[in-house]
Amino acid sequence: CISISDGRSDYRDSVKGRFTISTDNVKNTVYLQMNKLKPEDTAVYS
């Protein structure tokens, strides 16, 4: 998760170092960059 206003973020332990959350405030869009994906990451993401 990420705070739009100040950029603070938090991650569950299993994705730390692999996933990065970021924002583009002009586009009103939040991204989740997922690297080094594992089969355990398979899911519907919302």
All heavy atoms as atom14 arrays in JSON, in Angstrom:
{
  "sequence": "CISISDGRSDYRDSVKGRFTISTDNVKNTVYLQMNKLKPEDTAVYS",
  "atom14_mask": [
    [1, 1, 1, 1, 1, 1, 0, 0, 0, 0, 0, 0, 0, 0],
    [1, 1, 1, 1, 1, 1, 1, 1, 0, 0, 0, 0, 0, 0],
    [1, 1, 1, 1, 1, 1, 0, 0, 0, 0, 0, 0, 0, 0],
    [1, 1, 1, 1, 1, 1, 1, 1, 0, 0, 0, 0, 0, 0],
    [1, 1, 1, 1, 1, 1, 0, 0, 0, 0, 0, 0, 0, 0],
    [1, 1, 1, 1, 1, 1, 1, 1, 0, 0, 0, 0, 0, 0],
    [1, 1, 1, 1, 0, 0, 0, 0, 0, 0, 0, 0, 0, 0],
    [1, 1, 1, 1, 1, 1, 1, 1, 1, 1, 1, 0, 0, 0],
    [1, 1, 1, 1, 1, 1, 0, 0, 0, 0, 0, 0, 0, 0],
    [1, 1, 1, 1, 1, 1, 1, 1, 0, 0, 0, 0, 0, 0],
    [1, 1, 1, 1, 1, 1, 1, 1, 1, 1, 1, 1, 0, 0],
    [1, 1, 1, 1, 1, 1, 1, 1, 1, 1, 1, 0, 0, 0],
    [1, 1, 1, 1, 1, 1, 1, 1, 0, 0, 0, 0, 0, 0],
    [1, 1, 1, 1, 1, 1, 0, 0, 0, 0, 0, 0, 0, 0],
    [1, 1, 1, 1, 1, 1, 1, 0, 0, 0, 0, 0, 0, 0],
    [1, 1, 1, 1, 1, 1, 1, 1, 1, 0, 0, 0, 0, 0],
    [1, 1, 1, 1, 0, 0, 0, 0, 0, 0, 0, 0, 0, 0],
    [1, 1, 1, 1, 1, 1, 1, 1, 1, 1, 1, 0, 0, 0],
    [1, 1, 1, 1, 1, 1, 1, 1, 1, 1, 1, 0, 0, 0],
    [1, 1, 1, 1, 1, 1, 1, 0, 0, 0, 0, 0, 0, 0],
    [1, 1, 1, 1, 1, 1, 1, 1, 0, 0, 0, 0, 0, 0],
    [1, 1, 1, 1, 1, 1, 0, 0, 0, 0, 0, 0, 0, 0],
    [1, 1, 1, 1, 1, 1, 1, 0, 0, 0, 0, 0, 0, 0],
    [1, 1, 1, 1, 1, 1, 1, 1, 0, 0, 0, 0, 0, 0],
    [1, 1, 1, 1, 1, 1, 1, 1, 0, 0, 0, 0, 0, 0],
    [1, 1, 1, 1, 1, 1, 1, 0, 0, 0, 0, 0, 0, 0],
    [1, 1, 1, 1, 1, 1, 1, 1, 1, 0, 0, 0, 0, 0],
    [1, 1, 1, 1, 1, 1, 1, 1, 0, 0, 0, 0, 0, 0],
    [1, 1, 1, 1, 1, 1, 1, 0, 0, 0, 0, 0, 0, 0],
    [1, 1, 1, 1, 1, 1, 1, 0, 0, 0, 0, 0, 0, 0],
    [1, 1, 1, 1, 1, 1, 1, 1, 1, 1, 1, 1, 0, 0],
    [1, 1, 1, 1, 1, 1, 1, 1, 0, 0, 0, 0, 0, 0],
    [1, 1, 1, 1, 1, 1, 1, 1, 1, 0, 0, 0, 0, 0],
    [1, 1, 1, 1, 1, 1, 1, 1, 0, 0, 0, 0, 0, 0],
    [1, 1, 1, 1, 1, 1, 1, 1, 0, 0, 0, 0, 0, 0],
    [1, 1, 1, 1, 1, 1, 1, 1, 1, 0, 0, 0, 0, 0],
    [1, 1, 1, 1, 1, 1, 1, 1, 0, 0, 0, 0, 0, 0],
    [1, 1, 1, 1, 1, 1, 1, 1, 1, 0, 0, 0, 0, 0],
    [1, 1, 1, 1, 1, 1, 1, 0, 0, 0, 0, 0, 0, 0],
    [1, 1, 1, 1, 1, 1, 1, 1, 1, 0, 0, 0, 0, 0],
    [1, 1, 1, 1, 1, 1, 1, 1, 0, 0, 0, 0, 0, 0],
    [1, 1, 1, 1, 1, 1, 1, 0, 0, 0, 0, 0, 0, 0],
    [1, 1, 1, 1, 1, 0, 0, 0, 0, 0, 0, 0, 0, 0],
    [1, 1, 1, 1, 1, 1, 1, 0, 0, 0, 0, 0, 0, 0],
    [1, 1, 1, 1, 1, 1, 1, 1, 1, 1, 1, 1, 0, 0],
    [1, 1, 1, 1, 1, 1, 0, 0, 0, 0, 0, 0, 0, 0]
  ],
  "atom14_positions": [
    [[0.84, -1.19, 0.0], [0.0, 0.0, 0.0], [0.88, 1.23, 0.0], [2.06, 1.17, 0.35], [-0.97, 0.01, 1.19], [-0.19, -0.05, 2.81], [0.0, 0.0, 0.0], [0.0, 0.0, 0.0], [0.0, 0.0, 0.0], [0.0, 0.0, 0.0], [0.0, 0.0, 0.0], [0.0, 0.0, 0.0], [0.0, 0.0, 0.0], [0.0, 0.0, 0.0]],
    [[0.29, 2.35, -0.4], [1.05, 3.58, -0.5], [0.14, 4.77, -0.2], [-1.03, 4.78, -0.58], [1.72, 3.72, -1.88], [2.69, 4.89, -1.92], [0.67, 3.84, -2.99], [3.63, 4.86, -3.12], [0.0, 0.0, 0.0], [0.0, 0.0, 0.0], [0.0, 0.0, 0.0], [0.0, 0.0, 0.0], [0.0, 0.0, 0.0], [0.0, 0.0, 0.0]],
    [[0.7, 5.76, 0.48], [0.02, 7.02, 0.7], [0.27, 7.93, -0.49], [1.42, 8.22, -0.83], [0.53, 7.69, 1.98], [0.08, 9.02, 2.07], [0.0, 0.0, 0.0], [0.0, 0.0, 0.0], [0.0, 0.0, 0.0], [0.0, 0.0, 0.0], [0.0, 0.0, 0.0], [0.0, 0.0, 0.0], [0.0, 0.0, 0.0], [0.0, 0.0, 0.0]],
    [[-0.8, 8.38, -1.13], [-0.65, 9.26, -2.27], [-0.05, 10.6, -1.86], [0.76, 11.18, -2.58], [-2.0, 9.47, -2.98], [-2.6, 8.12, -3.41], [-1.84, 10.39, -4.19], [-1.71, 7.31, -4.32], [0.0, 0.0, 0.0], [0.0, 0.0, 0.0], [0.0, 0.0, 0.0], [0.0, 0.0, 0.0], [0.0, 0.0, 0.0], [0.0, 0.0, 0.0]],
    [[-0.42, 11.08, -0.68], [-0.01, 12.42, -0.27], [1.47, 12.53, 0.03], [2.09, 13.55, -0.28], [-0.83, 12.87, 0.94], [-0.6, 12.03, 2.05], [0.0, 0.0, 0.0], [0.0, 0.0, 0.0], [0.0, 0.0, 0.0], [0.0, 0.0, 0.0], [0.0, 0.0, 0.0], [0.0, 0.0, 0.0], [0.0, 0.0, 0.0], [0.0, 0.0, 0.0]],
    [[2.07, 11.52, 0.66], [3.45, 11.65, 1.1], [4.37, 10.5, 0.68], [5.55, 10.52, 1.01], [3.54, 11.85, 2.61], [2.95, 10.71, 3.4], [2.83, 9.59, 2.87], [2.6, 10.93, 4.58], [0.0, 0.0, 0.0], [0.0, 0.0, 0.0], [0.0, 0.0, 0.0], [0.0, 0.0, 0.0], [0.0, 0.0, 0.0], [0.0, 0.0, 0.0]],
    [[3.85, 9.5, -0.01], [4.68, 8.45, -0.56], [5.05, 7.34, 0.4], [5.8, 6.43, 0.0], [0.0, 0.0, 0.0], [0.0, 0.0, 0.0], [0.0, 0.0, 0.0], [0.0, 0.0, 0.0], [0.0, 0.0, 0.0], [0.0, 0.0, 0.0], [0.0, 0.0, 0.0], [0.0, 0.0, 0.0], [0.0, 0.0, 0.0], [0.0, 0.0, 0.0]],
    [[4.58, 7.38, 1.64], [4.86, 6.27, 2.56], [4.29, 4.99, 2.0], [3.22, 4.99, 1.4], [4.25, 6.53, 3.93], [4.91, 7.66, 4.7], [4.14, 7.95, 6.0], [2.81, 8.45, 5.72], [1.68, 7.91, 6.16], [1.73, 6.83, 6.94], [0.52, 8.44, 5.85], [0.0, 0.0, 0.0], [0.0, 0.0, 0.0], [0.0, 0.0, 0.0]],
    [[4.99, 3.89, 2.2], [4.55, 2.62, 1.67], [4.83, 1.49, 2.65], [5.64, 1.63, 3.57], [5.23, 2.32, 0.32], [6.64, 2.24, 0.47], [0.0, 0.0, 0.0], [0.0, 0.0, 0.0], [0.0, 0.0, 0.0], [0.0, 0.0, 0.0], [0.0, 0.0, 0.0], [0.0, 0.0, 0.0], [0.0, 0.0, 0.0], [0.0, 0.0, 0.0]],
    [[4.15, 0.38, 2.43], [4.33, -0.8, 3.25], [4.11, -2.03, 2.38], [3.38, -1.96, 1.38], [3.38, -0.8, 4.44], [3.75, -1.8, 5.52], [4.92, -2.25, 5.53], [2.9, -2.13, 6.35], [0.0, 0.0, 0.0], [0.0, 0.0, 0.0], [0.0, 0.0, 0.0], [0.0, 0.0, 0.0], [0.0, 0.0, 0.0], [0.0, 0.0, 0.0]],
    [[4.75, -3.14, 2.76], [4.68, -4.38, 2.01], [4.55, -5.56, 2.95], [5.06, -5.53, 4.07], [5.94, -4.6, 1.17], [6.27, -3.51, 0.18], [6.96, -2.37, 0.58], [5.91, -3.64, -1.15], [7.27, -1.37, -0.34], [6.23, -2.65, -2.07], [6.91, -1.52, -1.65], [7.22, -0.54, -2.57], [0.0, 0.0, 0.0], [0.0, 0.0, 0.0]],
    [[3.9, -6.61, 2.48], [3.96, -7.83, 3.25], [5.35, -8.43, 3.09], [6.03, -8.23, 2.08], [2.86, -8.8, 2.83], [3.07, -9.46, 1.49], [1.93, -10.44, 1.18], [1.79, -11.49, 2.18], [0.82, -11.55, 3.08], [-0.15, -10.64, 3.11], [0.8, -12.55, 3.95], [0.0, 0.0, 0.0], [0.0, 0.0, 0.0], [0.0, 0.0, 0.0]],
    [[5.77, -9.19, 4.08], [7.15, -9.67, 4.12], [7.53, -10.51, 2.91], [8.67, -10.42, 2.42], [7.39, -10.49, 5.39], [7.43, -9.63, 6.64], [7.59, -8.4, 6.52], [7.32, -10.19, 7.74], [0.0, 0.0, 0.0], [0.0, 0.0, 0.0], [0.0, 0.0, 0.0], [0.0, 0.0, 0.0], [0.0, 0.0, 0.0], [0.0, 0.0, 0.0]],
    [[6.61, -11.29, 2.4], [6.95, -12.23, 1.33], [7.26, -11.55, 0.0], [7.8, -12.2, -0.91], [5.83, -13.25, 1.14], [4.63, -12.63, 0.72], [0.0, 0.0, 0.0], [0.0, 0.0, 0.0], [0.0, 0.0, 0.0], [0.0, 0.0, 0.0], [0.0, 0.0, 0.0], [0.0, 0.0, 0.0], [0.0, 0.0, 0.0], [0.0, 0.0, 0.0]],
    [[6.93, -10.27, -0.15], [7.22, -9.58, -1.4], [8.27, -8.49, -1.26], [8.66, -7.89, -2.27], [5.94, -8.98, -2.03], [4.85, -10.04, -2.13], [5.45, -7.77, -1.24], [0.0, 0.0, 0.0], [0.0, 0.0, 0.0], [0.0, 0.0, 0.0], [0.0, 0.0, 0.0], [0.0, 0.0, 0.0], [0.0, 0.0, 0.0], [0.0, 0.0, 0.0]],
    [[8.75, -8.24, -0.07], [9.76, -7.21, 0.13], [11.03, -7.55, -0.65], [11.5, -8.68, -0.62], [10.08, -7.06, 1.61], [8.98, -6.41, 2.41], [9.33, -6.3, 3.89], [8.22, -5.62, 4.66], [8.51, -5.56, 6.11], [0.0, 0.0, 0.0], [0.0, 0.0, 0.0], [0.0, 0.0, 0.0], [0.0, 0.0, 0.0], [0.0, 0.0, 0.0]],
    [[11.54, -6.57, -1.34], [12.71, -6.77, -2.18], [12.4, -7.25, -3.57], [13.29, -7.25, -4.44], [0.0, 0.0, 0.0], [0.0, 0.0, 0.0], [0.0, 0.0, 0.0], [0.0, 0.0, 0.0], [0.0, 0.0, 0.0], [0.0, 0.0, 0.0], [0.0, 0.0, 0.0], [0.0, 0.0, 0.0], [0.0, 0.0, 0.0], [0.0, 0.0, 0.0]],
    [[11.16, -7.66, -3.82], [10.75, -8.12, -5.15], [9.7, -7.2, -5.78], [9.73, -6.98, -6.99], [10.17, -9.53, -5.07], [11.16, -10.57, -4.57], [10.61, -11.98, -4.76], [9.38, -12.19, -3.99], [8.22, -12.58, -4.52], [8.11, -12.78, -5.83], [7.16, -12.77, -3.74], [0.0, 0.0, 0.0], [0.0, 0.0, 0.0], [0.0, 0.0, 0.0]],
    [[8.79, -6.68, -4.99], [7.71, -5.83, -5.48], [7.96, -4.39, -5.07], [8.48, -4.12, -3.98], [6.36, -6.27, -4.91], [5.85, -7.59, -5.39], [6.63, -8.46, -6.13], [4.55, -7.97, -5.08], [6.14, -9.68, -6.57], [4.05, -9.19, -5.5], [4.85, -10.04, -6.25], [0.0, 0.0, 0.0], [0.0, 0.0, 0.0], [0.0, 0.0, 0.0]],
    [[7.54, -3.46, -5.92], [7.64, -2.04, -5.62], [6.33, -1.36, -6.0], [5.86, -1.51, -7.13], [8.79, -1.38, -6.38], [10.02, -2.04, -6.07], [8.91, 0.09, -5.99], [0.0, 0.0, 0.0], [0.0, 0.0, 0.0], [0.0, 0.0, 0.0], [0.0, 0.0, 0.0], [0.0, 0.0, 0.0], [0.0, 0.0, 0.0], [0.0, 0.0, 0.0]],
    [[5.76, -0.61, -5.06], [4.56, 0.15, -5.33], [4.96, 1.6, -5.57], [5.84, 2.14, -4.9], [3.54, 0.01, -4.18], [2.19, 0.63, -4.56], [4.07, 0.61, -2.88], [1.07, 0.27, -3.59], [0.0, 0.0, 0.0], [0.0, 0.0, 0.0], [0.0, 0.0, 0.0], [0.0, 0.0, 0.0], [0.0, 0.0, 0.0], [0.0, 0.0, 0.0]],
    [[4.32, 2.24, -6.53], [4.64, 3.62, -6.87], [3.4, 4.3, -7.42], [2.38, 3.66, -7.69], [5.78, 3.69, -7.89], [5.43, 3.06, -9.1], [0.0, 0.0, 0.0], [0.0, 0.0, 0.0], [0.0, 0.0, 0.0], [0.0, 0.0, 0.0], [0.0, 0.0, 0.0], [0.0, 0.0, 0.0], [0.0, 0.0, 0.0], [0.0, 0.0, 0.0]],
    [[3.48, 5.62, -7.58], [2.34, 6.4, -8.06], [2.74, 7.32, -9.19], [3.89, 7.74, -9.31], [1.73, 7.25, -6.94], [2.66, 8.26, -6.53], [1.37, 6.4, -5.73], [0.0, 0.0, 0.0], [0.0, 0.0, 0.0], [0.0, 0.0, 0.0], [0.0, 0.0, 0.0], [0.0, 0.0, 0.0], [0.0, 0.0, 0.0], [0.0, 0.0, 0.0]],
    [[1.78, 7.62, -10.02], [1.86, 8.71, -10.99], [0.67, 9.59, -10.68], [-0.46, 9.29, -11.1], [1.84, 8.19, -12.42], [2.0, 9.31, -13.44], [1.64, 10.46, -13.16], [2.5, 9.02, -14.55], [0.0, 0.0, 0.0], [0.0, 0.0, 0.0], [0.0, 0.0, 0.0], [0.0, 0.0, 0.0], [0.0, 0.0, 0.0], [0.0, 0.0, 0.0]],
    [[0.89, 10.66, -9.95], [-0.22, 11.47, -9.46], [-0.89, 12.27, -10.57], [-2.06, 12.63, -10.45], [0.26, 12.4, -8.36], [0.63, 11.65, -7.09], [0.52, 10.42, -7.02], [1.09, 12.37, -6.09], [0.0, 0.0, 0.0], [0.0, 0.0, 0.0], [0.0, 0.0, 0.0], [0.0, 0.0, 0.0], [0.0, 0.0, 0.0], [0.0, 0.0, 0.0]],
    [[-0.16, 12.55, -11.64], [-0.76, 13.25, -12.76], [-1.79, 12.35, -13.45], [-2.86, 12.81, -13.85], [0.32, 13.71, -13.76], [-0.33, 14.3, -15.0], [1.24, 14.72, -13.1], [0.0, 0.0, 0.0], [0.0, 0.0, 0.0], [0.0, 0.0, 0.0], [0.0, 0.0, 0.0], [0.0, 0.0, 0.0], [0.0, 0.0, 0.0], [0.0, 0.0, 0.0]],
    [[-1.47, 11.08, -13.57], [-2.37, 10.12, -14.2], [-3.35, 9.48, -13.24], [-4.19, 8.68, -13.67], [-1.57, 9.03, -14.89], [-0.72, 9.5, -16.05], [0.01, 8.33, -16.69], [0.81, 8.77, -17.9], [1.53, 7.62, -18.52], [0.0, 0.0, 0.0], [0.0, 0.0, 0.0], [0.0, 0.0, 0.0], [0.0, 0.0, 0.0], [0.0, 0.0, 0.0]],
    [[-3.26, 9.8, -11.95], [-4.1, 9.15, -10.93], [-3.98, 7.63, -11.02], [-4.99, 6.9, -11.02], [-5.55, 9.59, -11.06], [-5.8, 10.99, -10.54], [-4.87, 11.72, -10.18], [-7.06, 11.38, -10.49], [0.0, 0.0, 0.0], [0.0, 0.0, 0.0], [0.0, 0.0, 0.0], [0.0, 0.0, 0.0], [0.0, 0.0, 0.0], [0.0, 0.0, 0.0]],
    [[-2.76, 7.16, -11.08], [-2.49, 5.74, -11.26], [-1.47, 5.26, -10.25], [-0.49, 5.95, -9.97], [-2.0, 5.47, -12.69], [-3.01, 5.87, -13.63], [-1.7, 4.0, -12.89], [0.0, 0.0, 0.0], [0.0, 0.0, 0.0], [0.0, 0.0, 0.0], [0.0, 0.0, 0.0], [0.0, 0.0, 0.0], [0.0, 0.0, 0.0], [0.0, 0.0, 0.0]],
    [[-1.7, 4.06, -9.73], [-0.76, 3.39, -8.84], [-0.27, 2.13, -9.54], [-1.06, 1.4, -10.14], [-1.42, 3.06, -7.49], [-0.46, 2.24, -6.62], [-1.81, 4.34, -6.77], [0.0, 0.0, 0.0], [0.0, 0.0, 0.0], [0.0, 0.0, 0.0], [0.0, 0.0, 0.0], [0.0, 0.0, 0.0], [0.0, 0.0, 0.0], [0.0, 0.0, 0.0]],
    [[1.02, 1.89, -9.43], [1.63, 0.74, -10.07], [2.15, -0.24, -9.04], [2.53, 0.13, -7.93], [2.8, 1.18, -10.95], [2.42, 2.19, -12.01], [2.65, 3.54, -11.82], [1.83, 1.78, -13.19], [2.3, 4.47, -12.78], [1.47, 2.7, -14.17], [1.71, 4.03, -13.96], [1.35, 4.95, -14.92], [0.0, 0.0, 0.0], [0.0, 0.0, 0.0]],
    [[2.18, -1.49, -9.43], [2.85, -2.52, -8.65], [3.81, -3.24, -9.58], [3.39, -4.03, -10.43], [1.86, -3.5, -8.03], [2.47, -4.54, -7.1], [3.01, -3.88, -5.84], [1.45, -5.62, -6.75], [0.0, 0.0, 0.0], [0.0, 0.0, 0.0], [0.0, 0.0, 0.0], [0.0, 0.0, 0.0], [0.0, 0.0, 0.0], [0.0, 0.0, 0.0]],
    [[5.09, -2.93, -9.43], [6.12, -3.6, -10.2], [6.49, -4.88, -9.48], [6.91, -4.85, -8.32], [7.36, -2.71, -10.35], [8.51, -3.35, -11.11], [8.2, -3.58, -12.57], [7.67, -2.69, -13.23], [8.51, -4.77, -13.06], [0.0, 0.0, 0.0], [0.0, 0.0, 0.0], [0.0, 0.0, 0.0], [0.0, 0.0, 0.0], [0.0, 0.0, 0.0]],
    [[6.34, -6.0, -10.15], [6.57, -7.31, -9.56], [7.72, -7.98, -10.3], [7.61, -8.29, -11.49], [5.31, -8.17, -9.64], [4.09, -7.52, -9.02], [2.66, -8.62, -8.96], [2.37, -8.84, -10.72], [0.0, 0.0, 0.0], [0.0, 0.0, 0.0], [0.0, 0.0, 0.0], [0.0, 0.0, 0.0], [0.0, 0.0, 0.0], [0.0, 0.0, 0.0]],
    [[8.81, -8.2, -9.59], [10.0, -8.84, -10.14], [10.24, -10.17, -9.43], [9.73, -10.41, -8.33], [11.22, -7.94, -9.98], [11.1, -6.62, -10.7], [10.49, -6.54, -11.77], [11.7, -5.58, -10.13], [0.0, 0.0, 0.0], [0.0, 0.0, 0.0], [0.0, 0.0, 0.0], [0.0, 0.0, 0.0], [0.0, 0.0, 0.0], [0.0, 0.0, 0.0]],
    [[11.04, -11.0, -10.06], [11.39, -12.3, -9.49], [10.14, -13.06, -9.04], [10.08, -13.58, -7.93], [12.38, -12.13, -8.34], [13.69, -11.47, -8.76], [14.64, -11.32, -7.58], [15.95, -10.67, -8.02], [16.88, -10.49, -6.88], [0.0, 0.0, 0.0], [0.0, 0.0, 0.0], [0.0, 0.0, 0.0], [0.0, 0.0, 0.0], [0.0, 0.0, 0.0]],
    [[9.18, -13.11, -9.92], [7.9, -13.72, -9.58], [8.05, -15.21, -9.32], [8.87, -15.9, -9.94], [6.89, -13.48, -10.7], [6.3, -12.07, -10.7], [5.69, -11.75, -12.05], [5.25, -11.94, -9.6], [0.0, 0.0, 0.0], [0.0, 0.0, 0.0], [0.0, 0.0, 0.0], [0.0, 0.0, 0.0], [0.0, 0.0, 0.0], [0.0, 0.0, 0.0]],
    [[7.23, -15.68, -8.4], [7.2, -17.07, -7.99], [5.82, -17.65, -8.25], [4.84, -16.91, -8.26], [7.53, -17.2, -6.5], [8.85, -16.57, -6.09], [9.02, -16.63, -4.57], [10.33, -16.0, -4.15], [10.5, -16.05, -2.67], [0.0, 0.0, 0.0], [0.0, 0.0, 0.0], [0.0, 0.0, 0.0], [0.0, 0.0, 0.0], [0.0, 0.0, 0.0]],
    [[5.72, -18.97, -8.42], [4.38, -19.56, -8.56], [3.45, -19.21, -7.41], [2.23, -19.1, -7.63], [4.68, -21.06, -8.61], [6.05, -21.14, -9.19], [6.79, -19.95, -8.64], [0.0, 0.0, 0.0], [0.0, 0.0, 0.0], [0.0, 0.0, 0.0], [0.0, 0.0, 0.0], [0.0, 0.0, 0.0], [0.0, 0.0, 0.0], [0.0, 0.0, 0.0]],
    [[3.97, -19.02, -6.22], [3.16, -18.66, -5.07], [2.52, -17.28, -5.2], [1.62, -16.95, -4.44], [4.0, -18.7, -3.78], [4.72, -20.01, -3.55], [6.13, -19.98, -4.11], [6.29, -20.37, -5.29], [7.06, -19.61, -3.37], [0.0, 0.0, 0.0], [0.0, 0.0, 0.0], [0.0, 0.0, 0.0], [0.0, 0.0, 0.0], [0.0, 0.0, 0.0]],
    [[2.99, -16.47, -6.15], [2.4, -15.16, -6.39], [1.15, -15.23, -7.25], [0.48, -14.21, -7.44], [3.42, -14.23, -7.06], [4.62, -13.95, -6.18], [4.45, -13.71, -4.97], [5.75, -13.95, -6.72], [0.0, 0.0, 0.0], [0.0, 0.0, 0.0], [0.0, 0.0, 0.0], [0.0, 0.0, 0.0], [0.0, 0.0, 0.0], [0.0, 0.0, 0.0]],
    [[0.84, -16.39, -7.79], [-0.33, -16.55, -8.64], [-1.6, -16.21, -7.86], [-1.86, -16.77, -6.8], [-0.41, -17.98, -9.18], [0.7, -18.21, -10.06], [-1.7, -18.19, -9.96], [0.0, 0.0, 0.0], [0.0, 0.0, 0.0], [0.0, 0.0, 0.0], [0.0, 0.0, 0.0], [0.0, 0.0, 0.0], [0.0, 0.0, 0.0], [0.0, 0.0, 0.0]],
    [[-2.4, -15.29, -8.4], [-3.61, -14.84, -7.73], [-4.31, -13.81, -8.6], [-3.74, -13.33, -9.58], [-3.28, -14.22, -6.36], [0.0, 0.0, 0.0], [0.0, 0.0, 0.0], [0.0, 0.0, 0.0], [0.0, 0.0, 0.0], [0.0, 0.0, 0.0], [0.0, 0.0, 0.0], [0.0, 0.0, 0.0], [0.0, 0.0, 0.0], [0.0, 0.0, 0.0]],
    [[-5.52, -13.47, -8.21], [-6.19, -12.29, -8.74], [-5.75, -11.11, -7.88], [-5.91, -11.12, -6.66], [-7.71, -12.44, -8.72], [-8.37, -11.12, -9.14], [-8.15, -13.56, -9.66], [0.0, 0.0, 0.0], [0.0, 0.0, 0.0], [0.0, 0.0, 0.0], [0.0, 0.0, 0.0], [0.0, 0.0, 0.0], [0.0, 0.0, 0.0], [0.0, 0.0, 0.0]],
    [[-5.21, -10.09, -8.53], [-4.73, -8.91, -7.84], [-5.73, -7.78, -8.01], [-6.15, -7.47, -9.12], [-3.37, -8.48, -8.4], [-2.22, -9.34, -7.93], [-2.08, -10.64, -8.38], [-1.28, -8.84, -7.02], [-1.05, -11.44, -7.94], [-0.24, -9.64, -6.58], [-0.12, -10.93, -7.04], [0.92, -11.72, -6.61], [0.0, 0.0, 0.0], [0.0, 0.0, 0.0]],
    [[-6.09, -7.16, -6.89], [-7.05, -6.06, -6.88], [-6.44, -4.85, -6.2], [-5.65, -4.99, -5.27], [-8.33, -6.46, -6.15], [-8.94, -7.59, -6.73], [0.0, 0.0, 0.0], [0.0, 0.0, 0.0], [0.0, 0.0, 0.0], [0.0, 0.0, 0.0], [0.0, 0.0, 0.0], [0.0, 0.0, 0.0], [0.0, 0.0, 0.0], [0.0, 0.0, 0.0]]
  ]
}
